[in-house]
């Protein structure tokens, strides 16, 4: 059908335009303008009709998906903000917790100046476990956030890279602080352990010395005023007069040997002290033979000591040594006369040997040489497993105090005498032994 366009006046062709709403044959009819000379029977392009109901359903589904995506993104962002706030709070609390606990002077784990975490344990091991659990929890949360990021990427939602980088930096800072805290706690724990072991050993050695002294007092000490007030007399240079300490030495990394000594023998006083162990008869030896000065041997290494005791008077001498760099010191009458190093450095004194007074051992406990025997008197031969302080040595030398050795103490029951002519006799009072007296 042809009619004229009301705007242009040109004829136009309409194909079944009137029954467009009345007919429902699944086709659309298109109206278009054609020239007057054109052929009205032009081909018409038919398009498949889309149902209005289908369009509305598709639009509705799209809107619902977008709305769900927006809601998920909003929930994700809300959780991430909460996590960031919690991490920030934990970081602040951890930073303030490093100074919260201190080690008191009396050796106890002190009360915190400020309870920064609210649940910091008092024990260093519990603190390490607690911090480790906190760090593991933070790592689990980060992994959870990364999984949420993957799900968000799959669903089309974006995970803010700035937030991820911030979380990574926060977690890195927390890991560094945890490592520093663990290192500090381990160091404090090591110091506590060392102090406890040292205190226990010192207490045990003191108690052992007291028990020995009490036992000796209960026995009566023989003819002596007290168990340590006796002297060993070796008047002749032979190979069969000597004294033997019934106790051996433990393994030691330092020692101090002190004694009262009196001799006028020439050309040398001989060997007042020797300690031999299997495989090394000269583990510790104090000897003066011929015209040589007094020598200290440790593991067959030699150091010459600036001591002079051949005047027939009592002298108090002390020799200290430590395996660290082989450092040694020599005292006479409370005064330090010499020191040195590199004497059997880093060699520990071996245990299980024999202590002989008055003879030098060629084999452990025997094969003595009369030319190296000691001639004179010895008393209060004590050994400690540490280097004594100068004040301690001086107090013994000037008769201010008496200190029994914590490894070997001078007790009548600890000294055996061998050979006819060797005796244990009462000792003069300390003031009478002083050089000025």
Protein backbone atom coordinates (compact mmCIF):
# COMPACT_ATOMS: atom_id res chain seq x y z
CA UNK A 1 0.00 0.00 0.00
CA UNK A 2 1.32 3.49 -0.92
CA UNK A 3 0.62 6.86 0.71
CA UNK A 4 2.35 10.22 0.93
CA UNK A 5 4.72 11.14 3.74
CA UNK A 6 3.20 14.04 5.69
CA UNK A 7 6.65 15.67 6.16
CA UNK A 8 8.25 15.26 2.77
CA UNK A 9 5.27 14.68 0.57
CA UNK A 10 6.98 11.68 -0.92
CA UNK A 11 5.15 8.45 -1.26
CA UNK A 12 6.05 5.71 1.14
CA UNK A 13 5.30 2.05 1.22
CA UNK A 14 3.82 0.33 4.23
CA UNK A 15 3.55 -3.40 4.24
CA UNK A 16 0.84 -4.73 6.51
CA UNK A 17 1.34 -1.84 8.90
CA UNK A 18 -2.26 -1.71 9.97
CA UNK A 19 -2.51 -5.23 11.36
CA UNK A 20 0.89 -5.04 13.09
CA UNK A 21 -0.65 -5.27 16.56
CA UNK A 22 -3.47 -7.53 15.53
CA UNK A 23 -1.44 -10.23 13.86
CA UNK A 24 0.94 -12.40 15.76
CA UNK A 25 2.65 -14.56 13.16
CA UNK A 26 6.18 -14.22 14.60
CA UNK A 27 7.31 -11.64 12.04
CA UNK A 28 7.95 -7.91 12.02
CA UNK A 29 6.90 -5.53 9.32
CA UNK A 30 9.09 -2.63 8.38
CA UNK A 31 7.87 0.65 6.86
CA UNK A 32 10.27 2.62 4.76
CA UNK A 33 10.06 5.45 2.19
CA UNK A 34 10.39 4.61 -1.51
CA UNK A 35 10.55 6.98 -4.46
CA UNK A 36 7.50 7.48 -6.68
CA UNK A 37 9.16 5.75 -9.50
CA UNK A 38 10.27 2.91 -7.30
CA UNK A 39 8.96 -0.56 -7.29
CA UNK A 40 6.50 -1.15 -4.53
CA UNK A 41 7.21 -4.83 -4.54
CA UNK A 42 10.70 -4.42 -3.01
CA UNK A 43 12.03 -7.22 -0.86
CA UNK A 44 11.34 -6.83 2.80
CA UNK A 45 13.85 -7.95 5.47
CA UNK A 46 12.20 -9.95 8.16
CA UNK A 47 13.72 -10.01 11.67
CA UNK A 48 12.86 -12.53 14.35
CA UNK A 49 10.73 -11.03 16.98
CA UNK A 50 12.06 -10.85 20.52
CA UNK A 51 9.62 -11.47 23.21
CA UNK A 52 9.22 -8.57 25.64
CA UNK A 53 9.01 -11.03 28.53
CA UNK A 54 12.41 -12.54 27.68
CA UNK A 55 13.99 -9.09 27.52
CA UNK A 56 12.69 -8.14 30.94
CA UNK A 57 13.90 -11.41 32.48
CA UNK A 58 17.39 -11.00 31.02
CA UNK A 59 17.63 -7.41 32.28
CA UNK A 60 16.41 -8.45 35.71
CA UNK A 61 19.03 -11.21 35.98
CA UNK A 62 21.78 -8.83 34.94
CA UNK A 63 20.72 -6.28 37.54
CA UNK A 64 20.64 -8.94 40.28
CA UNK A 65 24.14 -10.18 39.40
CA UNK A 66 25.53 -6.66 39.48
CA UNK A 67 23.84 -6.02 42.80
CA UNK A 68 25.28 -9.24 44.33
CA UNK A 69 28.74 -8.37 43.03
CA UNK A 70 28.52 -4.92 44.60
CA UNK A 71 27.36 -6.40 47.92
CA UNK A 72 30.24 -8.94 47.89
CA UNK A 73 32.78 -6.22 47.14
CA UNK A 74 31.37 -4.09 49.94
CA UNK A 75 31.60 -7.00 52.44
CA UNK A 76 35.14 -7.84 51.29
CA UNK A 77 36.27 -4.24 51.69
CA UNK A 78 34.63 -4.06 55.12
CA UNK A 79 36.45 -7.23 56.28
CA UNK A 80 39.73 -5.95 54.87
CA UNK A 81 39.36 -2.65 56.70
CA UNK A 82 38.65 -4.53 59.95
CA UNK A 83 41.70 -6.74 59.40
CA UNK A 84 43.90 -3.70 58.76
CA UNK A 85 42.67 -2.06 61.95
CA UNK A 86 43.32 -5.24 63.94
CA UNK A 87 46.81 -5.65 62.45
CA UNK A 88 47.60 -2.02 63.21
CA UNK A 89 46.47 -2.48 66.82
CA UNK A 90 48.53 -5.67 67.20
CA UNK A 91 51.60 -3.96 65.71
CA UNK A 92 51.29 -1.07 68.15
CA UNK A 93 50.86 -3.47 71.06
CA UNK A 94 53.86 -5.57 69.97
CA UNK A 95 55.99 -2.44 69.61
CA UNK A 96 55.14 -1.32 73.12
CA UNK A 97 55.61 -4.87 74.51
CA UNK A 98 59.36 -4.94 73.84
CA UNK A 99 60.06 -2.78 76.88
CA UNK A 100 57.36 -4.14 79.09
CA UNK A 101 59.24 -6.82 80.93
CA UNK A 102 62.61 -6.56 82.64
CA UNK A 103 65.10 -8.74 84.47
CA UNK A 104 65.40 -7.66 88.09
CA UNK A 105 68.68 -7.42 89.99
CA UNK A 106 67.71 -10.28 92.26
CA UNK A 107 67.61 -12.68 89.30
CA UNK A 108 63.81 -12.87 88.91
CA UNK A 109 61.68 -12.20 85.92
CA UNK A 110 60.26 -8.82 86.88
CA UNK A 111 56.71 -7.57 86.65
CA UNK A 112 55.87 -5.73 83.47
CA UNK A 113 55.95 -1.98 83.57
CA UNK A 114 52.93 -1.99 81.31
CA UNK A 115 50.81 -4.96 80.26
CA UNK A 116 50.91 -4.10 76.59
CA UNK A 117 49.42 -7.28 75.14
CA UNK A 118 46.97 -8.09 77.91
CA UNK A 119 48.03 -11.74 77.87
CA UNK A 120 51.85 -11.69 77.83
CA UNK A 121 53.04 -14.73 79.84
CA UNK A 122 55.59 -14.38 82.60
CA UNK A 123 57.82 -17.17 81.33
CA UNK A 124 60.11 -16.40 78.31
CA UNK A 125 59.19 -19.73 76.68
CA UNK A 126 55.46 -18.90 76.98
CA UNK A 127 56.13 -15.47 75.48
CA UNK A 128 57.84 -17.03 72.47
CA UNK A 129 54.97 -19.51 72.01
CA UNK A 130 52.39 -16.76 72.33
CA UNK A 131 54.12 -14.54 69.79
CA UNK A 132 54.52 -17.51 67.45
CA UNK A 133 50.81 -18.31 67.66
CA UNK A 134 49.95 -14.67 67.00
CA UNK A 135 52.21 -14.62 63.94
CA UNK A 136 50.72 -17.89 62.65
CA UNK A 137 47.23 -16.44 63.06
CA UNK A 138 48.22 -13.35 61.08
CA UNK A 139 49.68 -15.53 58.33
CA UNK A 140 46.47 -17.57 58.19
CA UNK A 141 44.46 -14.39 57.84
CA UNK A 142 46.70 -13.16 55.05
CA UNK A 143 46.26 -16.48 53.24
CA UNK A 144 42.51 -16.15 53.71
CA UNK A 145 42.61 -12.66 52.19
CA UNK A 146 44.65 -13.96 49.27
CA UNK A 147 42.05 -16.68 48.68
CA UNK A 148 39.33 -14.03 48.79
CA UNK A 149 41.32 -12.07 46.22
CA UNK A 150 41.42 -15.11 43.92
CA UNK A 151 37.66 -15.61 44.28
CA UNK A 152 37.11 -11.92 43.64
CA UNK A 153 39.24 -12.08 40.50
CA UNK A 154 37.25 -15.05 39.25
CA UNK A 155 33.95 -13.30 39.89
CA UNK A 156 35.16 -10.13 38.21
CA UNK A 157 35.69 -8.11 41.41
CA UNK A 158 39.02 -6.38 41.95
CA UNK A 159 41.21 -6.69 45.09
CA UNK A 160 42.98 -3.41 45.88
CA UNK A 161 46.73 -3.88 45.33
CA UNK A 162 47.44 -1.08 47.81
CA UNK A 163 45.69 -3.05 50.54
CA UNK A 164 47.66 -6.20 49.75
CA UNK A 165 50.97 -4.30 49.80
CA UNK A 166 50.04 -2.70 53.11
CA UNK A 167 49.25 -6.07 54.64
CA UNK A 168 52.52 -7.49 53.36
CA UNK A 169 54.50 -4.62 54.88
CA UNK A 170 52.67 -4.93 58.19
CA UNK A 171 53.31 -8.67 58.33
CA UNK A 172 56.99 -8.16 57.46
CA UNK A 173 57.39 -5.65 60.29
CA UNK A 174 55.70 -8.03 62.72
CA UNK A 175 57.99 -10.88 61.66
CA UNK A 176 61.09 -8.71 62.26
CA UNK A 177 59.83 -7.66 65.69
CA UNK A 178 59.07 -11.28 66.56
CA UNK A 179 62.58 -12.38 65.57
CA UNK A 180 64.13 -9.60 67.66
CA UNK A 181 61.96 -10.52 70.64
CA UNK A 182 62.77 -14.24 70.31
CA UNK A 183 66.51 -13.46 70.09
CA UNK A 184 66.31 -11.24 73.18
CA UNK A 185 64.38 -13.86 75.14
CA UNK A 186 66.80 -16.62 74.13
CA UNK A 187 69.74 -14.49 75.29
CA UNK A 188 68.07 -13.78 78.62
CA UNK A 189 67.22 -17.46 79.00
CA UNK A 190 70.85 -18.42 78.32
CA UNK A 191 72.07 -15.92 80.90
CA UNK A 192 69.58 -17.23 83.44
CA UNK A 193 70.65 -20.83 82.76
CA UNK A 194 74.37 -20.04 83.08
CA UNK A 195 73.84 -18.06 86.27
CA UNK A 196 71.73 -20.86 87.74
CA UNK A 197 74.29 -23.56 86.90
CA UNK A 198 77.19 -21.50 88.27
CA UNK A 199 75.29 -20.74 91.48
CA UNK A 200 74.34 -24.40 91.90
CA UNK A 201 77.94 -25.60 91.42
CA UNK A 202 79.25 -22.99 93.83
CA UNK A 203 76.63 -23.95 96.41
CA UNK A 204 77.37 -27.66 96.05
CA UNK A 205 81.14 -27.18 96.41
CA UNK A 206 80.64 -25.00 99.50
CA UNK A 207 78.29 -27.53 101.05
CA UNK A 208 80.72 -30.37 100.34
CA UNK A 209 83.54 -28.47 102.02
CA UNK A 210 81.32 -27.78 105.04
CA UNK A 211 80.26 -31.43 105.26
CA UNK A 212 83.89 -32.55 105.21
CA UNK A 213 84.83 -30.04 107.86
CA UNK A 214 81.90 -31.03 110.08
CA UNK A 215 82.78 -34.73 109.70
CA UNK A 216 86.36 -34.04 110.65
CA UNK A 217 85.29 -32.00 113.67
CA UNK A 218 82.98 -34.82 114.76
CA UNK A 219 85.93 -37.23 114.60
CA UNK A 220 87.94 -34.93 116.86
CA UNK A 221 90.81 -34.23 114.44
CA UNK A 222 93.31 -36.44 116.30
CA UNK A 223 95.93 -34.46 118.24
CA UNK A 224 95.34 -31.23 116.30
CA UNK A 225 93.34 -28.24 117.48
CA UNK A 226 91.30 -28.38 114.27
CA UNK A 227 91.40 -30.62 111.18
CA UNK A 228 93.43 -28.14 109.09
CA UNK A 229 95.94 -27.16 111.82
CA UNK A 230 98.61 -29.69 110.96
CA UNK A 231 101.71 -29.82 108.78
CA UNK A 232 103.42 -32.49 106.73
CA UNK A 233 107.09 -32.84 107.59
CA UNK A 234 109.49 -34.39 105.02
CA UNK A 235 112.97 -33.90 106.55
CA UNK A 236 115.11 -35.99 104.16
CA UNK A 237 115.72 -36.11 100.42
CA UNK A 238 114.68 -39.68 99.59
CA UNK A 239 112.44 -41.38 97.11
CA UNK A 240 110.16 -42.97 99.73
CA UNK A 241 109.05 -40.07 101.96
CA UNK A 242 105.93 -38.37 100.67
CA UNK A 243 102.31 -37.56 101.32
CA UNK A 244 99.35 -38.49 99.18
CA UNK A 245 96.01 -36.68 98.86
CA UNK A 246 93.20 -39.22 98.97
CA UNK A 247 91.06 -37.13 96.62
CA UNK A 248 91.57 -36.60 92.91
CA UNK A 249 90.79 -33.58 90.75
CA UNK A 250 87.81 -33.19 88.42
CA UNK A 251 88.21 -31.86 84.92
CA UNK A 252 89.04 -28.17 85.33
CA UNK A 253 89.46 -25.20 83.03
CA UNK A 254 90.98 -23.04 85.75
CA UNK A 255 92.47 -23.55 89.20
CA UNK A 256 94.23 -21.89 92.13
CA UNK A 257 96.75 -23.81 94.23
CA UNK A 258 97.72 -22.30 97.60
CA UNK A 259 99.94 -23.61 100.43
CA UNK A 260 102.18 -22.71 103.31
CA UNK A 261 105.74 -23.87 102.60
CA UNK A 262 108.98 -23.90 104.62
CA UNK A 263 112.32 -25.15 103.29
CA UNK A 264 116.03 -24.45 103.46
CA UNK A 265 117.17 -27.22 101.16
CA UNK A 266 119.91 -26.62 98.60
CA UNK A 267 120.50 -26.44 95.72
CA UNK A 268 116.71 -26.62 95.26
CA UNK A 269 113.70 -27.35 97.46
CA UNK A 270 112.54 -30.19 95.18
CA UNK A 271 108.92 -31.01 94.29
CA UNK A 272 106.34 -29.89 96.86
CA UNK A 273 103.36 -30.73 94.60
CA UNK A 274 102.71 -33.02 91.62
CA UNK A 275 99.53 -34.24 89.91
CA UNK A 276 99.71 -37.01 87.31
CA UNK A 277 97.03 -38.57 85.14
CA UNK A 278 97.11 -41.63 82.87
CA UNK A 279 99.18 -40.71 79.83
CA UNK A 280 100.60 -37.53 81.40
CA UNK A 281 102.55 -37.73 84.66
CA UNK A 282 103.27 -33.98 84.59
CA UNK A 283 99.70 -32.68 84.40
CA UNK A 284 100.39 -30.17 87.22
CA UNK A 285 103.84 -29.97 88.86
CA UNK A 286 105.49 -27.40 91.12
CA UNK A 287 109.23 -28.03 91.26
CA UNK A 288 112.57 -26.36 92.05
CA UNK A 289 115.62 -28.48 91.27
CA UNK A 290 119.27 -27.60 90.90
CA UNK A 291 119.93 -23.88 90.55
CA UNK A 292 116.79 -23.32 88.47
CA UNK A 293 113.93 -21.10 89.73
CA UNK A 294 110.65 -22.61 90.82
CA UNK A 295 108.81 -23.94 87.75
CA UNK A 296 105.15 -24.60 87.07
CA UNK A 297 104.45 -27.46 84.66
CA UNK A 298 101.02 -27.96 83.09
CA UNK A 299 100.64 -30.77 80.59
CA UNK A 300 104.48 -30.84 80.45
CA UNK A 301 104.61 -27.14 79.43
CA UNK A 302 106.87 -24.98 81.64
CA UNK A 303 106.67 -21.47 83.13
CA UNK A 304 109.30 -20.10 85.50
CA UNK A 305 107.91 -18.41 88.63
CA UNK A 306 109.58 -15.48 90.45
CA UNK A 307 109.20 -17.09 93.88
CA UNK A 308 111.95 -17.36 96.51
CA UNK A 309 111.31 -19.67 99.50
CA UNK A 310 114.71 -21.20 100.38
CA UNK A 311 115.32 -19.18 103.54
CA UNK A 312 113.96 -21.65 106.10
CA UNK A 313 110.92 -19.46 106.89
CA UNK A 314 107.24 -19.98 106.33
CA UNK A 315 105.88 -18.47 103.12
CA UNK A 316 102.37 -18.44 101.76
CA UNK A 317 102.34 -19.04 97.97
CA UNK A 318 99.48 -19.20 95.47
CA UNK A 319 99.56 -20.09 91.76
CA UNK A 320 96.48 -19.50 89.59
CA UNK A 321 95.97 -20.64 85.99
CA UNK A 322 93.22 -20.61 83.37
CA UNK A 323 93.01 -22.52 80.12
CA UNK A 324 92.00 -19.33 78.31
CA UNK A 325 95.25 -18.25 76.63
CA UNK A 326 97.12 -20.21 79.32
CA UNK A 327 97.24 -17.20 81.66
CA UNK A 328 98.97 -17.68 85.05
CA UNK A 329 99.76 -15.59 88.14
CA UNK A 330 102.14 -16.22 91.08
CA UNK A 331 101.70 -14.78 94.60
CA UNK A 332 104.04 -14.89 97.58
CA UNK A 333 102.93 -13.71 101.02
CA UNK A 334 99.81 -12.09 99.47
CA UNK A 335 101.71 -10.08 96.84
CA UNK A 336 101.57 -10.84 93.12
CA UNK A 337 105.16 -11.24 91.92
CA UNK A 338 104.62 -12.41 88.35
CA UNK A 339 102.20 -13.36 85.59
CA UNK A 340 102.26 -14.69 82.04
CA UNK A 341 100.32 -16.52 79.36
CA UNK A 342 100.54 -19.23 76.70
CA UNK A 343 101.08 -21.93 79.32
CA UNK A 344 99.23 -25.01 77.95
CA UNK A 345 96.62 -22.69 76.44
CA UNK A 346 93.14 -24.22 75.93
CA UNK A 347 94.19 -27.47 77.64
CA UNK A 348 91.69 -28.67 80.27
CA UNK A 349 93.10 -30.26 83.43
CA UNK A 350 92.20 -33.93 83.21
CA UNK A 351 90.42 -35.81 85.95
CA UNK A 352 91.13 -39.14 87.65
CA UNK A 353 94.79 -38.57 88.56
CA UNK A 354 96.91 -38.82 91.70
CA UNK A 355 98.17 -35.94 93.90
CA UNK A 356 101.56 -36.50 95.54
CA UNK A 357 103.17 -34.12 98.05
CA UNK A 358 106.97 -34.19 98.15
CA UNK A 359 107.81 -36.26 95.06
CA UNK A 360 107.76 -35.86 91.25
CA UNK A 361 105.93 -38.67 89.46
CA UNK A 362 107.48 -40.36 86.43
CA UNK A 363 104.45 -42.64 86.25
CA UNK A 364 101.11 -42.00 87.87
CA UNK A 365 101.55 -42.48 91.61
CA UNK A 366 105.15 -43.73 91.57
CA UNK A 367 108.69 -44.09 90.18
CA UNK A 368 110.08 -41.24 92.25
CA UNK A 369 113.56 -39.67 91.90
CA UNK A 370 115.31 -38.76 95.16
CA UNK A 371 117.09 -35.87 93.42
CA UNK A 372 113.70 -34.19 92.84
CA UNK A 373 112.20 -34.88 96.30
CA UNK A 374 111.00 -32.02 98.50
CA UNK A 375 112.76 -31.30 101.79
CA UNK A 376 110.90 -29.20 104.32
CA UNK A 377 107.34 -28.70 105.65
CA UNK A 378 104.00 -28.17 103.91
CA UNK A 379 100.62 -27.13 105.30
CA UNK A 380 97.13 -26.03 104.21
CA UNK A 381 97.49 -27.21 100.61
CA UNK A 382 94.13 -26.21 99.08
CA UNK A 383 92.87 -26.24 95.49
CA UNK A 384 89.97 -24.32 93.92
CA UNK A 385 88.49 -24.77 90.45
CA UNK A 386 88.61 -21.04 89.77
CA UNK A 387 91.01 -18.12 89.85
CA UNK A 388 90.90 -16.57 93.31
CA UNK A 389 90.65 -12.82 93.73
CA UNK A 390 93.77 -10.97 94.97
CA UNK A 391 91.90 -9.91 98.10
CA UNK A 392 91.07 -13.55 98.93
CA UNK A 393 94.71 -14.56 98.55
CA UNK A 394 95.89 -11.63 100.63
CA UNK A 395 93.44 -12.38 103.45
CA UNK A 396 94.83 -15.92 103.75
CA UNK A 397 98.45 -14.74 103.57
CA UNK A 398 98.07 -12.14 106.36
CA UNK A 399 96.04 -14.49 108.58
CA UNK A 400 92.79 -12.51 108.24
CA UNK A 401 90.85 -15.61 107.21
CA UNK A 402 91.20 -19.23 106.20
CA UNK A 403 89.49 -20.60 103.05
CA UNK A 404 89.33 -24.35 102.46
CA UNK A 405 89.58 -25.39 98.82
CA UNK A 406 86.34 -26.33 97.12
CA UNK A 407 88.04 -29.10 95.10
CA UNK A 408 90.73 -30.28 97.53
CA UNK A 409 90.74 -29.07 101.13
CA UNK A 410 93.53 -29.55 103.68
CA UNK A 411 92.10 -32.05 106.14
CA UNK A 412 93.93 -34.62 108.23
CA UNK A 413 91.66 -37.34 106.85
CA UNK A 414 92.55 -36.35 103.28
CA UNK A 415 96.33 -36.73 103.66
CA UNK A 416 98.12 -40.07 103.89
CA UNK A 417 101.83 -40.22 104.93
CA UNK A 418 104.30 -42.75 103.52
CA UNK A 419 107.85 -43.58 104.63
CA UNK A 420 109.56 -43.72 108.02
CA UNK A 421 110.55 -40.21 108.97
CA UNK A 422 107.52 -38.48 107.39
CA UNK A 423 105.06 -37.09 109.94
CA UNK A 424 101.90 -35.07 110.39
CA UNK A 425 102.49 -32.62 113.24
CA UNK A 426 100.61 -29.72 114.83
CA UNK A 427 100.97 -26.45 112.96
CA UNK A 428 102.10 -23.17 114.47
CA UNK A 429 99.44 -20.48 114.79
CA UNK A 430 99.07 -18.33 111.70
CA UNK A 431 100.59 -15.16 113.18
CA UNK A 432 103.76 -17.04 114.03
CA UNK A 433 104.15 -18.04 110.39
CA UNK A 434 104.16 -14.45 109.08
CA UNK A 435 107.56 -13.36 107.66
CA UNK A 436 107.75 -10.28 109.92
CA UNK A 437 107.25 -12.42 113.03
